[in-house]
Amino acid sequence: MRHRNIRLENKKNSNLKLISSTIKNLSKKGIHQLTMQDVSQGAGLSQGIVNFHFKSKELLLIETLKFISNEYLLSFQKSISKAGNDPRKKIIGIIKNDFSKKICTREKIAVWFTFFSEIKYKPAYHQICKERDLYYQSITENIFLDLIKKEKVKLSEKNIARGFQALIMGLWLDQLEDPDTFNKVQSKKICFEFIKSNFPKQFKNVL
């Protein structure tokens, strides 16, 4: 049992090293230029170990996409759970999470957009991204519906949620296009201004 646990732990550590290396190399080279050798060298492991853990480059890419998607969803859920039942705090938590140091890194954002560019041709990528986006959309729609009721305004929770998601994705893209001027604090302010413009009573004291 002890040896089995050690093997499982070693396998987990190797997988994390390989996925981390894949993220770094994908952000620089993209999917088509990435090689298994790039991944092995970046992880400090032999190519034989890469092939042992992931039988093909495609399987490695799918697991990498699952990893960053699950990482995001876990942090997203955590930010919401901290807010309790307060929809105002939930939105503030989502914005802070989406521009946190852990989530909003140039490497990870580059990887997200790399996979987005391929979803038309790769059903597996499309399914993973679709599940993540639908979940995000569903949660934010419910939060905005609560805010609409409290604000007592006639707005569409679906439209507000889609606009909110598009705004964040656009700001993420700014980090790739102009990293020297991109600022996380400023990006959060832009998101808060969007929220305040629709819910001025509830967010009037938010910077």
Protein backbone atom coordinates (compact mmCIF):
# COMPACT_ATOMS: atom_id res chain seq x y z
CA MET A 1 0.00 0.00 0.00
CA ARG A 2 2.81 2.42 0.91
CA HIS A 3 4.61 1.80 -2.41
CA ARG A 4 1.34 2.24 -4.29
CA ASN A 5 0.72 5.59 -2.60
CA ILE A 6 4.25 6.72 -3.45
CA ARG A 7 3.75 5.74 -7.11
CA LEU A 8 0.45 7.63 -7.25
CA GLU A 9 2.03 10.71 -5.68
CA ASN A 10 4.96 10.57 -8.12
CA LYS A 11 2.56 10.23 -11.02
CA LYS A 12 0.54 13.22 -9.80
CA ASN A 13 3.67 15.34 -9.42
CA SER A 14 4.91 14.37 -12.88
CA ASN A 15 1.52 15.19 -14.41
CA LEU A 16 1.52 18.63 -12.78
CA LYS A 17 5.05 19.32 -14.03
CA LEU A 18 4.08 18.29 -17.57
CA ILE A 19 0.88 20.35 -17.58
CA SER A 20 2.73 23.37 -16.17
CA SER A 21 5.33 23.01 -18.90
CA THR A 22 2.59 22.69 -21.51
CA ILE A 23 0.95 25.92 -20.32
CA LYS A 24 4.26 27.81 -20.51
CA ASN A 25 5.14 26.48 -23.95
CA LEU A 26 1.62 26.90 -25.35
CA SER A 27 1.62 30.56 -24.37
CA LYS A 28 4.80 31.06 -26.42
CA LYS A 29 4.40 28.70 -29.37
CA GLY A 30 0.72 27.88 -29.76
CA ILE A 31 -0.79 24.45 -30.37
CA HIS A 32 0.66 23.64 -33.77
CA GLN A 33 4.27 24.53 -32.97
CA LEU A 34 4.29 22.82 -29.58
CA THR A 35 6.18 19.52 -29.43
CA MET A 36 6.37 16.79 -26.81
CA GLN A 37 10.09 17.54 -26.59
CA ASP A 38 9.29 21.14 -25.62
CA VAL A 39 7.09 19.81 -22.83
CA SER A 40 9.61 17.27 -21.54
CA GLN A 41 12.46 19.79 -21.50
CA GLY A 42 10.33 22.40 -19.75
CA ALA A 43 9.30 19.86 -17.10
CA GLY A 44 12.82 18.53 -16.64
CA LEU A 45 11.63 15.01 -17.48
CA SER A 46 12.52 12.56 -20.22
CA GLN A 47 10.37 12.33 -23.32
CA GLY A 48 9.75 8.69 -22.40
CA ILE A 49 8.03 9.81 -19.20
CA VAL A 50 5.88 12.25 -21.18
CA ASN A 51 4.80 9.44 -23.50
CA PHE A 52 4.15 7.18 -20.52
CA HIS A 53 1.77 9.67 -18.88
CA PHE A 54 0.19 11.01 -22.06
CA LYS A 55 0.02 8.70 -25.07
CA SER A 56 -0.28 11.59 -27.52
CA LYS A 57 0.09 15.34 -27.78
CA GLU A 58 -3.67 15.63 -28.21
CA LEU A 59 -4.37 13.87 -24.90
CA LEU A 60 -1.87 16.15 -23.17
CA LEU A 61 -3.58 19.22 -24.62
CA ILE A 62 -7.01 18.03 -23.50
CA GLU A 63 -5.77 17.39 -19.97
CA THR A 64 -4.12 20.81 -19.92
CA LEU A 65 -7.38 22.49 -20.94
CA LYS A 66 -9.26 20.50 -18.29
CA PHE A 67 -6.68 21.55 -15.70
CA ILE A 68 -6.94 25.30 -16.29
CA SER A 69 -10.73 25.04 -16.64
CA ASN A 70 -11.08 23.18 -13.33
CA GLU A 71 -8.63 25.54 -11.65
CA TYR A 72 -10.73 28.49 -12.76
CA LEU A 73 -14.04 26.93 -11.74
CA LEU A 74 -12.76 26.05 -8.27
CA SER A 75 -11.56 29.60 -7.63
CA PHE A 76 -14.81 30.96 -9.13
CA GLN A 77 -16.90 28.79 -6.80
CA LYS A 78 -14.77 29.74 -3.82
CA SER A 79 -15.22 33.45 -4.51
CA ILE A 80 -19.00 32.97 -4.59
CA SER A 81 -19.23 30.80 -1.49
CA LYS A 82 -17.38 33.45 0.54
CA ALA A 83 -20.12 35.95 -0.32
CA GLY A 84 -22.89 33.89 1.25
CA ASN A 85 -26.31 34.91 -0.07
CA ASP A 86 -25.40 38.51 -0.92
CA PRO A 87 -25.54 38.98 -4.74
CA ARG A 88 -23.61 42.25 -4.44
CA LYS A 89 -20.71 40.55 -2.71
CA LYS A 90 -20.86 37.69 -5.20
CA ILE A 91 -20.29 39.98 -8.19
CA ILE A 92 -17.51 41.80 -6.39
CA GLY A 93 -15.93 38.43 -5.61
CA ILE A 94 -16.17 37.28 -9.22
CA ILE A 95 -14.49 40.43 -10.50
CA LYS A 96 -11.69 40.16 -7.95
CA ASN A 97 -11.20 36.49 -8.82
CA ASP A 98 -11.15 37.07 -12.57
CA PHE A 99 -8.31 39.57 -12.16
CA SER A 100 -6.44 37.81 -9.37
CA LYS A 101 -2.76 36.94 -9.64
CA LYS A 102 -3.57 33.24 -9.82
CA ILE A 103 -6.15 33.41 -12.61
CA CYS A 104 -5.28 36.48 -14.65
CA THR A 105 -1.76 35.61 -15.79
CA ARG A 106 -0.53 36.27 -19.30
CA GLU A 107 0.43 32.61 -19.73
CA LYS A 108 -2.98 31.24 -18.75
CA ILE A 109 -4.93 33.84 -20.71
CA ALA A 110 -2.80 33.06 -23.77
CA VAL A 111 -3.62 29.38 -23.36
CA TRP A 112 -7.35 30.12 -23.03
CA PHE A 113 -7.40 32.07 -26.28
CA THR A 114 -5.22 29.49 -28.00
CA PHE A 115 -7.81 26.82 -27.29
CA PHE A 116 -10.69 29.16 -28.17
CA SER A 117 -9.17 29.60 -31.63
CA GLU A 118 -9.29 25.82 -32.15
CA ILE A 119 -12.74 24.91 -30.84
CA LYS A 120 -14.29 25.06 -34.30
CA TYR A 121 -12.09 22.15 -35.37
CA LYS A 122 -11.74 20.25 -32.08
CA PRO A 123 -15.00 18.94 -30.54
CA ALA A 124 -13.21 17.96 -27.30
CA TYR A 125 -11.94 21.53 -26.77
CA HIS A 126 -15.35 22.94 -27.63
CA GLN A 127 -17.10 20.73 -25.09
CA ILE A 128 -14.77 21.67 -22.23
CA CYS A 129 -15.00 25.41 -23.00
CA LYS A 130 -18.76 25.20 -23.53
CA GLU A 131 -19.35 23.53 -20.15
CA ARG A 132 -17.26 26.14 -18.39
CA ASP A 133 -18.98 29.05 -20.16
CA LEU A 134 -22.51 27.70 -19.64
CA TYR A 135 -21.84 27.22 -15.94
CA TYR A 136 -20.41 30.74 -15.64
CA GLN A 137 -23.38 32.13 -17.58
CA SER A 138 -25.94 30.30 -15.46
CA ILE A 139 -24.42 31.42 -12.15
CA THR A 140 -24.00 35.05 -13.18
CA GLU A 141 -27.51 35.21 -14.63
CA ASN A 142 -28.96 34.13 -11.29
CA ILE A 143 -26.84 36.68 -9.44
CA PHE A 144 -27.88 39.48 -11.79
CA LEU A 145 -31.53 38.44 -11.47
CA ASP A 146 -31.25 38.95 -7.69
CA LEU A 147 -29.61 42.34 -8.25
CA ILE A 148 -32.34 43.36 -10.71
CA LYS A 149 -35.04 42.51 -8.18
CA LYS A 150 -33.28 44.46 -5.43
CA GLU A 151 -32.64 47.44 -7.72
CA LYS A 152 -36.24 47.28 -9.01
CA VAL A 153 -35.26 47.94 -12.63
CA LYS A 154 -36.36 46.40 -15.91
CA LEU A 155 -33.26 44.68 -17.21
CA SER A 156 -32.56 41.32 -18.81
CA GLU A 157 -30.39 39.16 -16.60
CA LYS A 158 -29.29 37.21 -19.69
CA ASN A 159 -28.13 40.34 -21.52
CA ILE A 160 -26.36 41.77 -18.47
CA ALA A 161 -24.61 38.46 -17.82
CA ARG A 162 -23.46 38.12 -21.42
CA GLY A 163 -22.24 41.71 -21.48
CA PHE A 164 -20.40 41.17 -18.21
CA GLN A 165 -18.69 38.03 -19.52
CA ALA A 166 -17.77 39.74 -22.80
CA LEU A 167 -16.28 42.68 -20.90
CA ILE A 168 -14.04 40.43 -18.82
CA MET A 169 -12.94 38.41 -21.85
CA GLY A 170 -12.14 41.65 -23.67
CA LEU A 171 -10.03 42.89 -20.78
CA TRP A 172 -8.23 39.54 -20.63
CA LEU A 173 -7.45 39.95 -24.33
CA ASP A 174 -6.00 43.39 -23.61
CA GLN A 175 -3.38 41.71 -21.47
CA LEU A 176 -2.21 39.70 -24.48
CA GLU A 177 -2.30 42.58 -26.95
CA ASP A 178 -0.67 45.21 -24.77
CA PRO A 179 0.87 43.67 -21.63
CA ASP A 180 2.99 46.75 -20.87
CA THR A 181 -0.06 48.95 -20.29
CA PHE A 182 -2.47 46.32 -18.97
CA ASN A 183 -3.37 46.91 -15.34
CA LYS A 184 -5.40 44.53 -13.16
CA VAL A 185 -6.56 47.30 -10.82
CA GLN A 186 -7.78 49.40 -13.74
CA SER A 187 -9.52 46.39 -15.26
CA LYS A 188 -11.42 45.77 -12.04
CA LYS A 189 -12.47 49.44 -11.98
CA ILE A 190 -13.82 49.14 -15.52
CA CYS A 191 -15.90 46.13 -14.47
CA PHE A 192 -17.20 47.94 -11.40
CA GLU A 193 -18.18 50.92 -13.57
CA PHE A 194 -20.20 48.56 -15.78
CA ILE A 195 -21.96 47.13 -12.72
CA LYS A 196 -22.57 50.58 -11.21
CA SER A 197 -24.08 51.86 -14.44
CA ASN A 198 -26.75 49.15 -14.23
CA PHE A 199 -27.17 48.95 -10.45
CA PRO A 200 -26.31 52.44 -9.10
CA LYS A 201 -28.23 52.07 -5.83
CA GLN A 202 -26.43 48.92 -4.74
CA PHE A 203 -22.92 49.77 -5.98
CA LYS A 204 -22.69 53.53 -5.42
CA ASN A 205 -19.89 53.14 -2.85
CA VAL A 206 -17.84 50.66 -4.87
CA LEU A 207 -14.69 52.16 -6.44
